[in-house]
Amino acid sequence: MKTPKRRAILILSEKVPLDCGLLREVVVWSVPVSTKYPDGVKYHLALVDPLSGNVWLLFDNHYPKGHHQHSRDGVENPLIYTNLTDLLTLYYEQEKAEVERYESDANRS
């Protein structure tokens, strides 16, 4: 008898409009360990301007790129994944810095 395949399990999902006007979208799935997802996790953590569609910060790990981040200037850099807690901590720290930058830019206009 075959063992049933394990399916992806949604472990975190939030879509939050921030006071500054940016939108946070965080989605994390626990997935079966595979060559595509060797850490057993699939995610996208995004900070977006909903009016312009501009991405201010994005962490994701789609195949074949693996763990990486996108900055608002379009640069992609690899991320070293240790565990989900550390990833979320890093994301929220960088998100805070981007929100401060966004608010600073808005105050100059």
PDB file of N, CA and C in Angstrom:
ATOM      1  N   MET A   1       0.836  -1.182   0.000  1.00  0.00           N
ATOM      2  CA  MET A   1       0.000   0.000   0.000  1.00  0.00           C
ATOM      3  C   MET A   1       0.887   1.253   0.000  1.00  0.00           C
ATOM      4  N   LYS A   2       0.551   2.174  -0.861  1.00  0.00           N
ATOM      5  CA  LYS A   2       1.320   3.416  -0.979  1.00  0.00           C
ATOM      6  C   LYS A   2       1.035   4.348   0.187  1.00  0.00           C
ATOM      7  N   THR A   3       2.097   5.032   0.635  1.00  0.00           N
ATOM      8  CA  THR A   3       1.925   6.070   1.645  1.00  0.00           C
ATOM      9  C   THR A   3       1.397   7.317   0.948  1.00  0.00           C
ATOM     10  N   PRO A   4       0.347   7.929   1.484  1.00  0.00           N
ATOM     11  CA  PRO A   4      -0.182   9.136   0.824  1.00  0.00           C
ATOM     12  C   PRO A   4       0.853  10.251   0.851  1.00  0.00           C
ATOM     13  N   LYS A   5       0.858  11.024  -0.228  1.00  0.00           N
ATOM     14  CA  LYS A   5       1.764  12.169  -0.301  1.00  0.00           C
ATOM     15  C   LYS A   5       1.340  13.234   0.698  1.00  0.00           C
ATOM     16  N   ARG A   6       2.340  13.815   1.341  1.00  0.00           N
ATOM     17  CA  ARG A   6       2.064  14.922   2.252  1.00  0.00           C
ATOM     18  C   ARG A   6       1.808  16.175   1.422  1.00  0.00           C
ATOM     19  N   ARG A   7       0.816  16.898   1.783  1.00  0.00           N
ATOM     20  CA  ARG A   7       0.484  18.129   1.070  1.00  0.00           C
ATOM     21  C   ARG A   7       1.067  19.331   1.778  1.00  0.00           C
ATOM     22  N   ALA A   8       1.074  20.442   1.082  1.00  0.00           N
ATOM     23  CA  ALA A   8       1.512  21.702   1.673  1.00  0.00           C
ATOM     24  C   ALA A   8       0.515  22.119   2.755  1.00  0.00           C
ATOM     25  N   ILE A   9       1.053  22.680   3.820  1.00  0.00           N
ATOM     26  CA  ILE A   9       0.223  23.155   4.929  1.00  0.00           C
ATOM     27  C   ILE A   9       0.519  24.637   5.131  1.00  0.00           C
ATOM     28  N   LEU A  10      -0.516  25.452   5.029  1.00  0.00           N
ATOM     29  CA  LEU A  10      -0.372  26.888   5.258  1.00  0.00           C
ATOM     30  C   LEU A  10      -0.115  27.119   6.748  1.00  0.00           C
ATOM     31  N   ILE A  11       1.025  27.756   7.064  1.00  0.00           N
ATOM     32  CA  ILE A  11       1.324  27.981   8.479  1.00  0.00           C
ATOM     33  C   ILE A  11       1.263  29.453   8.875  1.00  0.00           C
ATOM     34  N   LEU A  12       1.302  30.354   7.893  1.00  0.00           N
ATOM     35  CA  LEU A  12       1.189  31.777   8.201  1.00  0.00           C
ATOM     36  C   LEU A  12       0.679  32.503   6.973  1.00  0.00           C
ATOM     37  N   SER A  13      -0.320  33.331   7.169  1.00  0.00           N
ATOM     38  CA  SER A  13      -0.849  34.136   6.065  1.00  0.00           C
ATOM     39  C   SER A  13      -1.415  35.426   6.639  1.00  0.00           C
ATOM     40  N   GLU A  14      -0.856  36.542   6.185  1.00  0.00           N
ATOM     41  CA  GLU A  14      -1.402  37.832   6.603  1.00  0.00           C
ATOM     42  C   GLU A  14      -1.233  38.836   5.476  1.00  0.00           C
ATOM     43  N   LYS A  15      -2.226  39.658   5.353  1.00  0.00           N
ATOM     44  CA  LYS A  15      -2.201  40.767   4.399  1.00  0.00           C
ATOM     45  C   LYS A  15      -2.635  41.988   5.198  1.00  0.00           C
ATOM     46  N   VAL A  16      -1.668  42.880   5.457  1.00  0.00           N
ATOM     47  CA  VAL A  16      -1.906  43.972   6.397  1.00  0.00           C
ATOM     48  C   VAL A  16      -1.570  45.308   5.755  1.00  0.00           C
ATOM     49  N   PRO A  17      -2.558  46.202   5.631  1.00  0.00           N
ATOM     50  CA  PRO A  17      -2.234  47.565   5.204  1.00  0.00           C
ATOM     51  C   PRO A  17      -1.564  48.291   6.375  1.00  0.00           C
ATOM     52  N   LEU A  18      -0.391  48.840   6.130  1.00  0.00           N
ATOM     53  CA  LEU A  18       0.342  49.547   7.176  1.00  0.00           C
ATOM     54  C   LEU A  18      -0.098  51.015   7.220  1.00  0.00           C
ATOM     55  N   ASP A  19       0.113  51.660   8.344  1.00  0.00           N
ATOM     56  CA  ASP A  19      -0.302  53.053   8.531  1.00  0.00           C
ATOM     57  C   ASP A  19       0.310  53.981   7.490  1.00  0.00           C
ATOM     58  N   CYS A  20       1.501  53.665   7.002  1.00  0.00           N
ATOM     59  CA  CYS A  20       2.196  54.527   6.039  1.00  0.00           C
ATOM     60  C   CYS A  20       1.607  54.422   4.631  1.00  0.00           C
ATOM     61  N   GLY A  21       0.746  53.421   4.394  1.00  0.00           N
ATOM     62  CA  GLY A  21       0.157  53.242   3.073  1.00  0.00           C
ATOM     63  C   GLY A  21       0.689  52.027   2.322  1.00  0.00           C
ATOM     64  N   LEU A  22       1.796  51.462   2.790  1.00  0.00           N
ATOM     65  CA  LEU A  22       2.323  50.252   2.164  1.00  0.00           C
ATOM     66  C   LEU A  22       1.529  49.037   2.634  1.00  0.00           C
ATOM     67  N   LEU A  23       1.657  47.944   1.896  1.00  0.00           N
ATOM     68  CA  LEU A  23       0.937  46.716   2.202  1.00  0.00           C
ATOM     69  C   LEU A  23       1.941  45.608   2.484  1.00  0.00           C
ATOM     70  N   ARG A  24       1.745  44.921   3.604  1.00  0.00           N
ATOM     71  CA  ARG A  24       2.559  43.756   3.947  1.00  0.00           C
ATOM     72  C   ARG A  24       1.761  42.503   3.587  1.00  0.00           C
ATOM     73  N   GLU A  25       2.392  41.593   2.844  1.00  0.00           N
ATOM     74  CA  GLU A  25       1.793  40.292   2.585  1.00  0.00           C
ATOM     75  C   GLU A  25       2.809  39.220   2.933  1.00  0.00           C
ATOM     76  N   VAL A  26       2.469  38.388   3.892  1.00  0.00           N
ATOM     77  CA  VAL A  26       3.342  37.328   4.366  1.00  0.00           C
ATOM     78  C   VAL A  26       2.597  36.007   4.218  1.00  0.00           C
ATOM     79  N   VAL A  27       3.179  35.079   3.452  1.00  0.00           N
ATOM     80  CA  VAL A  27       2.588  33.759   3.261  1.00  0.00           C
ATOM     81  C   VAL A  27       3.699  32.727   3.400  1.00  0.00           C
ATOM     82  N   VAL A  28       3.487  31.750   4.287  1.00  0.00           N
ATOM     83  CA  VAL A  28       4.473  30.702   4.527  1.00  0.00           C
ATOM     84  C   VAL A  28       3.759  29.354   4.527  1.00  0.00           C
ATOM     85  N   TRP A  29       4.324  28.420   3.773  1.00  0.00           N
ATOM     86  CA  TRP A  29       3.803  27.062   3.674  1.00  0.00           C
ATOM     87  C   TRP A  29       4.848  26.073   4.174  1.00  0.00           C
ATOM     88  N   SER A  30       4.428  25.075   4.898  1.00  0.00           N
ATOM     89  CA  SER A  30       5.257  23.911   5.176  1.00  0.00           C
ATOM     90  C   SER A  30       4.994  22.941   4.030  1.00  0.00           C
ATOM     91  N   VAL A  31       6.055  22.550   3.338  1.00  0.00           N
ATOM     92  CA  VAL A  31       5.912  21.678   2.173  1.00  0.00           C
ATOM     93  C   VAL A  31       6.788  20.445   2.362  1.00  0.00           C
ATOM     94  N   PRO A  32       6.484  19.384   1.637  1.00  0.00           N
ATOM     95  CA  PRO A  32       7.347  18.213   1.733  1.00  0.00           C
ATOM     96  C   PRO A  32       8.776  18.559   1.297  1.00  0.00           C
ATOM     97  N   VAL A  33       9.739  18.032   2.008  1.00  0.00           N
ATOM     98  CA  VAL A  33      11.140  18.230   1.622  1.00  0.00           C
ATOM     99  C   VAL A  33      11.338  17.589   0.251  1.00  0.00           C
ATOM    100  N   SER A  34      11.972  18.350  -0.643  1.00  0.00           N
ATOM    101  CA  SER A  34      12.188  17.872  -2.013  1.00  0.00           C
ATOM    102  C   SER A  34      13.405  18.583  -2.586  1.00  0.00           C
ATOM    103  N   THR A  35      13.765  18.255  -3.803  1.00  0.00           N
ATOM    104  CA  THR A  35      14.877  18.967  -4.443  1.00  0.00           C
ATOM    105  C   THR A  35      14.502  20.425  -4.685  1.00  0.00           C
ATOM    106  N   LYS A  36      13.228  20.707  -4.906  1.00  0.00           N
ATOM    107  CA  LYS A  36      12.792  22.087  -5.113  1.00  0.00           C
ATOM    108  C   LYS A  36      12.759  22.875  -3.808  1.00  0.00           C
ATOM    109  N   TYR A  37      12.397  22.224  -2.721  1.00  0.00           N
ATOM    110  CA  TYR A  37      12.274  22.876  -1.417  1.00  0.00           C
ATOM    111  C   TYR A  37      12.976  22.021  -0.358  1.00  0.00           C
ATOM    112  N   PRO A  38      14.313  22.020  -0.373  1.00  0.00           N
ATOM    113  CA  PRO A  38      15.059  21.142   0.534  1.00  0.00           C
ATOM    114  C   PRO A  38      14.891  21.480   2.014  1.00  0.00           C
ATOM    115  N   ASP A  39      14.418  22.689   2.328  1.00  0.00           N
ATOM    116  CA  ASP A  39      14.201  23.073   3.724  1.00  0.00           C
ATOM    117  C   ASP A  39      12.768  22.829   4.190  1.00  0.00           C
ATOM    118  N   GLY A  40      11.912  22.336   3.279  1.00  0.00           N
ATOM    119  CA  GLY A  40      10.538  22.036   3.662  1.00  0.00           C
ATOM    120  C   GLY A  40       9.672  23.252   3.916  1.00  0.00           C
ATOM    121  N   VAL A  41      10.042  24.377   3.300  1.00  0.00           N
ATOM    122  CA  VAL A  41       9.277  25.603   3.477  1.00  0.00           C
ATOM    123  C   VAL A  41       9.213  26.348   2.150  1.00  0.00           C
ATOM    124  N   LYS A  42       8.079  26.972   1.903  1.00  0.00           N
ATOM    125  CA  LYS A  42       7.877  27.813   0.720  1.00  0.00           C
ATOM    126  C   LYS A  42       7.248  29.108   1.221  1.00  0.00           C
ATOM    127  N   TYR A  43       7.754  30.249   0.737  1.00  0.00           N
ATOM    128  CA  TYR A  43       7.262  31.508   1.297  1.00  0.00           C
ATOM    129  C   TYR A  43       7.397  32.661   0.315  1.00  0.00           C
ATOM    130  N   HIS A  44       6.620  33.688   0.567  1.00  0.00           N
ATOM    131  CA  HIS A  44       6.885  35.023   0.033  1.00  0.00           C
ATOM    132  C   HIS A  44       6.480  36.029   1.111  1.00  0.00           C
ATOM    133  N   LEU A  45       7.397  36.939   1.348  1.00  0.00           N
ATOM    134  CA  LEU A  45       7.225  37.983   2.357  1.00  0.00           C
ATOM    135  C   LEU A  45       7.415  39.290   1.611  1.00  0.00           C
ATOM    136  N   ALA A  46       6.364  40.071   1.493  1.00  0.00           N
ATOM    137  CA  ALA A  46       6.414  41.218   0.587  1.00  0.00           C
ATOM    138  C   ALA A  46       5.938  42.501   1.246  1.00  0.00           C
ATOM    139  N   LEU A  47       6.589  43.585   0.837  1.00  0.00           N
ATOM    140  CA  LEU A  47       6.185  44.941   1.203  1.00  0.00           C
ATOM    141  C   LEU A  47       5.987  45.688  -0.102  1.00  0.00           C
ATOM    142  N   VAL A  48       4.748  46.099  -0.369  1.00  0.00           N
ATOM    143  CA  VAL A  48       4.378  46.633  -1.680  1.00  0.00           C
ATOM    144  C   VAL A  48       3.620  47.938  -1.519  1.00  0.00           C
ATOM    145  N   ASP A  49       3.825  48.855  -2.463  1.00  0.00           N
ATOM    146  CA  ASP A  49       3.004  50.053  -2.551  1.00  0.00           C
ATOM    147  C   ASP A  49       1.778  49.674  -3.380  1.00  0.00           C
ATOM    148  N   PRO A  50       0.596  49.571  -2.764  1.00  0.00           N
ATOM    149  CA  PRO A  50      -0.575  49.106  -3.506  1.00  0.00           C
ATOM    150  C   PRO A  50      -1.048  50.081  -4.587  1.00  0.00           C
ATOM    151  N   LEU A  51      -0.688  51.356  -4.479  1.00  0.00           N
ATOM    152  CA  LEU A  51      -1.106  52.328  -5.492  1.00  0.00           C
ATOM    153  C   LEU A  51      -0.271  52.221  -6.755  1.00  0.00           C
ATOM    154  N   SER A  52       1.033  52.079  -6.610  1.00  0.00           N
ATOM    155  CA  SER A  52       1.916  52.023  -7.779  1.00  0.00           C
ATOM    156  C   SER A  52       2.252  50.593  -8.194  1.00  0.00           C
ATOM    157  N   GLY A  53       2.096  49.648  -7.249  1.00  0.00           N
ATOM    158  CA  GLY A  53       2.507  48.273  -7.513  1.00  0.00           C
ATOM    159  C   GLY A  53       3.992  48.040  -7.296  1.00  0.00           C
ATOM    160  N   ASN A  54       4.725  49.090  -6.896  1.00  0.00           N
ATOM    161  CA  ASN A  54       6.163  48.950  -6.672  1.00  0.00           C
ATOM    162  C   ASN A  54       6.432  48.066  -5.466  1.00  0.00           C
ATOM    163  N   VAL A  55       7.379  47.163  -5.645  1.00  0.00           N
ATOM    164  CA  VAL A  55       7.809  46.283  -4.563  1.00  0.00           C
ATOM    165  C   VAL A  55       8.939  46.971  -3.808  1.00  0.00           C
ATOM    166  N   TRP A  56       8.761  47.154  -2.510  1.00  0.00           N
ATOM    167  CA  TRP A  56       9.791  47.774  -1.689  1.00  0.00           C
ATOM    168  C   TRP A  56      10.711  46.727  -1.091  1.00  0.00           C
ATOM    169  N   LEU A  57      10.188  45.536  -0.847  1.00  0.00           N
ATOM    170  CA  LEU A  57      10.986  44.457  -0.280  1.00  0.00           C
ATOM    171  C   LEU A  57      10.262  43.150  -0.554  1.00  0.00           C
ATOM    172  N   LEU A  58      11.022  42.135  -0.938  1.00  0.00           N
ATOM    173  CA  LEU A  58      10.426  40.821  -1.191  1.00  0.00           C
ATOM    174  C   LEU A  58      11.438  39.749  -0.855  1.00  0.00           C
ATOM    175  N   PHE A  59      11.038  38.827   0.010  1.00  0.00           N
ATOM    176  CA  PHE A  59      11.808  37.609   0.269  1.00  0.00           C
ATOM    177  C   PHE A  59      10.982  36.471  -0.309  1.00  0.00           C
ATOM    178  N   ASP A  60      11.601  35.595  -1.093  1.00  0.00           N
ATOM    179  CA  ASP A  60      10.899  34.403  -1.553  1.00  0.00           C
ATOM    180  C   ASP A  60      11.899  33.297  -1.855  1.00  0.00           C
ATOM    181  N   ASN A  61      11.374  32.117  -2.139  1.00  0.00           N
ATOM    182  CA  ASN A  61      12.251  30.980  -2.390  1.00  0.00           C
ATOM    183  C   ASN A  61      11.699  30.050  -3.452  1.00  0.00           C
ATOM    184  N   HIS A  62      11.261  30.632  -4.552  1.00  0.00           N
ATOM    185  CA  HIS A  62      10.738  29.783  -5.619  1.00  0.00           C
ATOM    186  C   HIS A  62      11.870  29.036  -6.315  1.00  0.00           C
ATOM    187  N   TYR A  63      11.524  27.910  -6.897  1.00  0.00           N
ATOM    188  CA  TYR A  63      12.464  27.087  -7.649  1.00  0.00           C
ATOM    189  C   TYR A  63      12.686  27.710  -9.013  1.00  0.00           C
ATOM    190  N   PRO A  64      13.850  27.794  -9.573  1.00  0.00           N
ATOM    191  CA  PRO A  64      15.114  27.196  -9.148  1.00  0.00           C
ATOM    192  C   PRO A  64      16.021  28.156  -8.377  1.00  0.00           C
ATOM    193  N   LYS A  65      15.566  29.365  -8.078  1.00  0.00           N
ATOM    194  CA  LYS A  65      16.448  30.353  -7.453  1.00  0.00           C
ATOM    195  C   LYS A  65      16.742  30.065  -5.986  1.00  0.00           C
ATOM    196  N   GLY A  66      15.837  29.420  -5.293  1.00  0.00           N
ATOM    197  CA  GLY A  66      16.044  29.186  -3.868  1.00  0.00           C
ATOM    198  C   GLY A  66      15.800  30.459  -3.068  1.00  0.00           C
ATOM    199  N   HIS A  67      16.327  30.498  -1.864  1.00  0.00           N
ATOM    200  CA  HIS A  67      16.109  31.620  -0.951  1.00  0.00           C
ATOM    201  C   HIS A  67      16.816  32.873  -1.478  1.00  0.00           C
ATOM    202  N   HIS A  68      16.048  33.946  -1.655  1.00  0.00           N
ATOM    203  CA  HIS A  68      16.633  35.204  -2.121  1.00  0.00           C
ATOM    204  C   HIS A  68      15.708  36.365  -1.772  1.00  0.00           C
ATOM    205  N   GLN A  69      16.259  37.575  -1.902  1.00  0.00           N
ATOM    206  CA  GLN A  69      15.451  38.761  -1.644  1.00  0.00           C
ATOM    207  C   GLN A  69      15.578  39.742  -2.798  1.00  0.00           C
ATOM    208  N   HIS A  70      14.519  40.519  -2.977  1.00  0.00           N
ATOM    209  CA  HIS A  70      14.471  41.577  -3.976  1.00  0.00           C
ATOM    210  C   HIS A  70      14.393  42.900  -3.220  1.00  0.00           C
ATOM    211  N   SER A  71      15.161  43.878  -3.665  1.00  0.00           N
ATOM    212  CA  SER A  71      15.079  45.204  -3.054  1.00  0.00           C
ATOM    213  C   SER A  71      14.272  46.120  -3.971  1.00  0.00           C
ATOM    214  N   ARG A  72      13.962  47.307  -3.478  1.00  0.00           N
ATOM    215  CA  ARG A  72      13.122  48.222  -4.265  1.00  0.00           C
ATOM    216  C   ARG A  72      13.804  48.714  -5.527  1.00  0.00           C
ATOM    217  N   ASP A  73      15.139  48.624  -5.585  1.00  0.00           N
ATOM    218  CA  ASP A  73      15.845  49.037  -6.802  1.00  0.00           C
ATOM    219  C   ASP A  73      16.024  47.888  -7.790  1.00  0.00           C
ATOM    220  N   GLY A  74      15.351  46.760  -7.522  1.00  0.00           N
ATOM    221  CA  GLY A  74      15.363  45.638  -8.454  1.00  0.00           C
ATOM    222  C   GLY A  74      16.513  44.666  -8.290  1.00  0.00           C
ATOM    223  N   VAL A  75      17.355  44.884  -7.303  1.00  0.00           N
ATOM    224  CA  VAL A  75      18.499  44.000  -7.078  1.00  0.00           C
ATOM    225  C   VAL A  75      18.035  42.748  -6.333  1.00  0.00           C
ATOM    226  N   GLU A  76      18.517  41.590  -6.789  1.00  0.00           N
ATOM    227  CA  GLU A  76      18.258  40.320  -6.114  1.00  0.00           C
ATOM    228  C   GLU A  76      19.524  39.856  -5.433  1.00  0.00           C
ATOM    229  N   ASN A  77      19.390  39.415  -4.194  1.00  0.00           N
ATOM    230  CA  ASN A  77      20.514  38.876  -3.446  1.00  0.00           C
ATOM    231  C   ASN A  77      20.107  37.571  -2.785  1.00  0.00           C
ATOM    232  N   PRO A  78      21.025  36.609  -2.717  1.00  0.00           N
ATOM    233  CA  PRO A  78      20.692  35.350  -2.043  1.00  0.00           C
ATOM    234  C   PRO A  78      20.499  35.567  -0.544  1.00  0.00           C
ATOM    235  N   LEU A  79      19.671  34.731   0.049  1.00  0.00           N
ATOM    236  CA  LEU A  79      19.471  34.711   1.495  1.00  0.00           C
ATOM    237  C   LEU A  79      20.004  33.391   2.026  1.00  0.00           C
ATOM    238  N   ILE A  80      20.595  33.429   3.193  1.00  0.00           N
ATOM    239  CA  ILE A  80      21.003  32.193   3.857  1.00  0.00           C
ATOM    240  C   ILE A  80      19.877  31.827   4.814  1.00  0.00           C
ATOM    241  N   TYR A  81      19.244  30.696   4.550  1.00  0.00           N
ATOM    242  CA  TYR A  81      18.118  30.255   5.361  1.00  0.00           C
ATOM    243  C   TYR A  81      18.631  29.335   6.466  1.00  0.00           C
ATOM    244  N   THR A  82      18.320  29.696   7.714  1.00  0.00           N
ATOM    245  CA  THR A  82      18.660  28.827   8.840  1.00  0.00           C
ATOM    246  C   THR A  82      17.397  28.209   9.431  1.00  0.00           C
ATOM    247  N   ASN A  83      16.383  29.064   9.648  1.00  0.00           N
ATOM    248  CA  ASN A  83      15.093  28.584  10.142  1.00  0.00           C
ATOM    249  C   ASN A  83      14.071  29.696   9.938  1.00  0.00           C
ATOM    250  N   LEU A  84      12.816  29.350  10.100  1.00  0.00           N
ATOM    251  CA  LEU A  84      11.736  30.296   9.823  1.00  0.00           C
ATOM    252  C   LEU A  84      11.750  31.483  10.785  1.00  0.00           C
ATOM    253  N   THR A  85      12.036  31.262  12.031  1.00  0.00           N
ATOM    254  CA  THR A  85      12.069  32.358  13.005  1.00  0.00           C
ATOM    255  C   THR A  85      13.101  33.403  12.614  1.00  0.00           C
ATOM    256  N   ASP A  86      14.305  32.955  12.270  1.00  0.00           N
ATOM    257  CA  ASP A  86      15.354  33.893  11.861  1.00  0.00           C
ATOM    258  C   ASP A  86      14.979  34.622  10.574  1.00  0.00           C
ATOM    259  N   LEU A  87      14.363  33.909   9.634  1.00  0.00           N
ATOM    260  CA  LEU A  87      13.945  34.534   8.377  1.00  0.00           C
ATOM    261  C   LEU A  87      12.930  35.638   8.640  1.00  0.00           C
ATOM    262  N   LEU A  88      11.918  35.351   9.454  1.00  0.00           N
ATOM    263  CA  LEU A  88      10.890  36.353   9.749  1.00  0.00           C
ATOM    264  C   LEU A  88      11.483  37.540  10.505  1.00  0.00           C
ATOM    265  N   THR A  89      12.393  37.275  11.424  1.00  0.00           N
ATOM    266  CA  THR A  89      13.051  38.366  12.157  1.00  0.00           C
ATOM    267  C   THR A  89      13.805  39.276  11.200  1.00  0.00           C
ATOM    268  N   LEU A  90      14.574  38.690  10.304  1.00  0.00           N
ATOM    269  CA  LEU A  90      15.321  39.471   9.319  1.00  0.00           C
ATOM    270  C   LEU A  90      14.372  40.270   8.433  1.00  0.00           C
ATOM    271  N   TYR A  91      13.301  39.629   7.969  1.00  0.00           N
ATOM    272  CA  TYR A  91      12.339  40.325   7.108  1.00  0.00           C
ATOM    273  C   TYR A  91      11.738  41.536   7.835  1.00  0.00           C
ATOM    274  N   TYR A  92      11.244  41.328   9.060  1.00  0.00           N
ATOM    275  CA  TYR A  92      10.593  42.428   9.771  1.00  0.00           C
ATOM    276  C   TYR A  92      11.569  43.552  10.104  1.00  0.00           C
ATOM    277  N   GLU A  93      12.832  43.233  10.356  1.00  0.00           N
ATOM    278  CA  GLU A  93      13.836  44.283  10.575  1.00  0.00           C
ATOM    279  C   GLU A  93      14.037  45.102   9.302  1.00  0.00           C
ATOM    280  N   GLN A  94      14.160  44.414   8.170  1.00  0.00           N
ATOM    281  CA  GLN A  94      14.344  45.127   6.907  1.00  0.00           C
ATOM    282  C   GLN A  94      13.080  45.870   6.505  1.00  0.00           C
ATOM    283  N   GLU A  95      11.919  45.292   6.787  1.00  0.00           N
ATOM    284  CA  GLU A  95      10.663  45.971   6.493  1.00  0.00           C
ATOM    285  C   GLU A  95      10.583  47.285   7.267  1.00  0.00           C
ATOM    286  N   LYS A  96      10.958  47.261   8.539  1.00  0.00           N
ATOM    287  CA  LYS A  96      10.930  48.480   9.359  1.00  0.00           C
ATOM    288  C   LYS A  96      11.799  49.565   8.738  1.00  0.00           C
ATOM    289  N   ALA A  97      12.993  49.192   8.284  1.00  0.00           N
ATOM    290  CA  ALA A  97      13.898  50.164   7.654  1.00  0.00           C
ATOM    291  C   ALA A  97      13.298  50.711   6.362  1.00  0.00           C
ATOM    292  N   GLU A  98      12.650  49.858   5.579  1.00  0.00           N
ATOM    293  CA  GLU A  98      12.034  50.307   4.323  1.00  0.00           C
ATOM    294  C   GLU A  98      10.843  51.224   4.584  1.00  0.00           C
ATOM    295  N   VAL A  99      10.059  50.931   5.609  1.00  0.00           N
ATOM    296  CA  VAL A  99       8.926  51.800   5.966  1.00  0.00           C
ATOM    297  C   VAL A  99       9.449  53.175   6.381  1.00  0.00           C
ATOM    298  N   GLU A 100      10.526  53.200   7.163  1.00  0.00           N
ATOM    299  CA  GLU A 100      11.114  54.489   7.565  1.00  0.00           C
ATOM    300  C   GLU A 100      11.610  55.252   6.341  1.00  0.00           C
ATOM    301  N   ARG A 101      12.222  54.561   5.403  1.00  0.00           N
ATOM    302  CA  ARG A 101      12.695  55.199   4.172  1.00  0.00           C
ATOM    303  C   ARG A 101      11.513  55.723   3.360  1.00  0.00           C
ATOM    304  N   TYR A 102      10.457  54.926   3.255  1.00  0.00           N
ATOM    305  CA  TYR A 102       9.253  55.328   2.520  1.00  0.00           C
ATOM    306  C   TYR A 102       8.643  56.587   3.133  1.00  0.00           C
ATOM    307  N   GLU A 103       8.536  56.597   4.454  1.00  0.00           N
ATOM    308  CA  GLU A 103       7.947  57.768   5.141  1.00  0.00           C
ATOM    309  C   GLU A 103       8.837  58.985   4.977  1.00  0.00           C
ATOM    310  N   SER A 104      10.136  58.794   5.018  1.00  0.00           N
ATOM    311  CA  SER A 104      11.075  59.900   4.813  1.00  0.00           C
ATOM    312  C   SER A 104      10.942  60.468   3.403  1.00  0.00           C
ATOM    313  N   ASP A 105      10.838  59.588   2.410  1.00  0.00           N
ATOM    314  CA  ASP A 105      10.655  60.034   1.024  1.00  0.00           C
ATOM    315  C   ASP A 105       9.331  60.775   0.868  1.00  0.00           C
ATOM    316  N   ALA A 106       8.277  60.307   1.522  1.00  0.00           N
ATOM    317  CA  ALA A 106       6.963  60.946   1.416  1.00  0.00           C
ATOM    318  C   ALA A 106       6.975  62.327   2.060  1.00  0.00           C
ATOM    319  N   ASN A 107       7.734  62.493   3.115  1.00  0.00           N
ATOM    320  CA  ASN A 107       7.812  63.793   3.798  1.00  0.00           C
ATOM    321  C   ASN A 107       8.579  64.826   2.991  1.00  0.00           C
ATOM    322  N   ARG A 108       9.458  64.388   2.101  1.00  0.00           N
ATOM    323  CA  ARG A 108      10.221  65.307   1.259  1.00  0.00           C
ATOM    324  C   ARG A 108       9.423  65.803   0.062  1.00  0.00           C
ATOM    325  N   SER A 109       8.378  65.086  -0.311  1.00  0.00           N
ATOM    326  CA  SER A 109       7.610  65.480  -1.508  1.00  0.00           C
ATOM    327  C   SER A 109       6.592  66.536  -1.198  1.00  0.00           C
TER     328      SER A 109
END
